[in-house]
Amino acid sequence: MANIKSAKKRINVINKKTLVNRRVKNNLKAIIKNFNKALAAKDFDAAKEKLGLAEKKLMQAAAKKTIHKNAASRKVSRMTKAFNKAKAEE
């Protein structure tokens, strides 16, 4: 446990940031899961809408350094690729 006042403050700040980041990451997982469900159900209109939302939220998380920008780009790329493949198979 920290003894110095500033170190104690940093622990509080880190705990708050951890909670925010965890909430953002859980939200991202839910959005991606909803996209995958729509894609599996062959509901391409809903999947396209959810893909746009997922891309927006992933890039926002990357901008705030919650996730790495390359990780966000990779996820968007894979989702777009899966969407285009599923639509072509229709």
Protein backbone atom coordinates (compact mmCIF):
# COMPACT_ATOMS: atom_id res chain seq x y z
CA MET A 1 0.00 0.00 0.00
CA ALA A 2 1.21 3.46 -0.87
CA ASN A 3 2.30 5.83 1.88
CA ILE A 4 2.76 9.01 -0.15
CA LYS A 5 -0.31 11.17 -0.68
CA SER A 6 0.18 11.58 -4.43
CA ALA A 7 0.64 7.82 -4.86
CA LYS A 8 -2.64 7.22 -3.00
CA LYS A 9 -4.36 9.69 -5.35
CA ARG A 10 -2.91 7.92 -8.38
CA ILE A 11 -4.31 4.60 -7.13
CA ASN A 12 -7.79 6.19 -6.98
CA VAL A 13 -7.42 7.65 -10.49
CA ILE A 14 -6.21 4.32 -11.91
CA ASN A 15 -9.16 2.50 -10.33
CA LYS A 16 -11.64 4.98 -11.87
CA LYS A 17 -10.02 4.70 -15.31
CA THR A 18 -10.01 0.91 -15.07
CA LEU A 19 -13.76 0.90 -14.42
CA VAL A 20 -14.41 3.20 -17.40
CA ASN A 21 -12.20 1.14 -19.72
CA ARG A 22 -13.82 -2.11 -18.58
CA ARG A 23 -17.28 -0.67 -19.26
CA VAL A 24 -16.23 0.49 -22.75
CA LYS A 25 -14.67 -2.88 -23.61
CA ASN A 26 -17.73 -4.80 -22.41
CA ASN A 27 -19.94 -2.53 -24.52
CA LEU A 28 -17.73 -3.19 -27.56
CA LYS A 29 -17.99 -6.95 -27.03
CA ALA A 30 -21.78 -6.69 -26.87
CA ILE A 31 -21.94 -4.62 -30.07
CA ILE A 32 -19.71 -7.07 -31.94
CA LYS A 33 -21.77 -10.00 -30.64
CA ASN A 34 -24.99 -8.32 -31.89
CA PHE A 35 -23.40 -7.85 -35.32
CA ASN A 36 -22.41 -11.53 -35.46
CA LYS A 37 -25.94 -12.61 -34.47
CA ALA A 38 -27.48 -10.46 -37.21
CA LEU A 39 -25.01 -11.85 -39.72
CA ALA A 40 -25.73 -15.45 -38.69
CA ALA A 41 -29.47 -14.78 -39.08
CA LYS A 42 -28.83 -13.46 -42.64
CA ASP A 43 -30.40 -10.12 -41.62
CA PHE A 44 -28.16 -7.96 -43.78
CA ASP A 45 -29.94 -4.65 -43.17
CA ALA A 46 -29.53 -4.97 -39.41
CA ALA A 47 -25.98 -6.30 -39.82
CA LYS A 48 -25.01 -3.29 -41.95
CA GLU A 49 -26.44 -0.93 -39.34
CA LYS A 50 -24.63 -2.77 -36.51
CA LEU A 51 -21.39 -2.77 -38.53
CA GLY A 52 -21.55 1.02 -38.78
CA LEU A 53 -22.18 1.33 -35.05
CA ALA A 54 -19.36 -1.11 -34.25
CA GLU A 55 -16.91 0.77 -36.46
CA LYS A 56 -17.82 4.08 -34.81
CA LYS A 57 -17.49 2.72 -31.26
CA LEU A 58 -14.22 0.87 -32.02
CA MET A 59 -12.64 4.01 -33.47
CA GLN A 60 -13.83 6.08 -30.50
CA ALA A 61 -12.25 3.56 -28.12
CA ALA A 62 -9.03 3.67 -30.15
CA ALA A 63 -9.01 7.47 -30.10
CA LYS A 64 -9.23 7.44 -26.31
CA LYS A 65 -6.50 4.77 -26.11
CA THR A 66 -8.83 2.21 -24.52
CA ILE A 67 -7.78 -0.23 -27.25
CA HIS A 68 -4.91 0.04 -29.73
CA LYS A 69 -5.76 1.72 -33.03
CA ASN A 70 -4.44 -1.24 -35.02
CA ALA A 71 -6.61 -3.62 -32.99
CA ALA A 72 -9.66 -1.46 -33.75
CA SER A 73 -8.80 -1.35 -37.45
CA ARG A 74 -8.22 -5.11 -37.52
CA LYS A 75 -11.61 -5.82 -35.93
CA VAL A 76 -13.41 -3.47 -38.32
CA SER A 77 -11.62 -5.05 -41.28
CA ARG A 78 -12.53 -8.59 -40.22
CA MET A 79 -16.15 -7.64 -39.60
CA THR A 80 -16.43 -5.90 -42.98
CA LYS A 81 -14.82 -8.88 -44.69
CA ALA A 82 -17.26 -11.28 -42.99
CA PHE A 83 -20.21 -9.06 -43.94
CA ASN A 84 -19.16 -8.86 -47.60
CA LYS A 85 -18.53 -12.62 -47.76
CA ALA A 86 -21.93 -13.44 -46.26
CA LYS A 87 -23.68 -11.01 -48.59
CA ALA A 88 -21.91 -12.48 -51.64
CA GLU A 89 -22.98 -16.00 -50.65
CA GLU A 90 -26.62 -14.95 -50.48
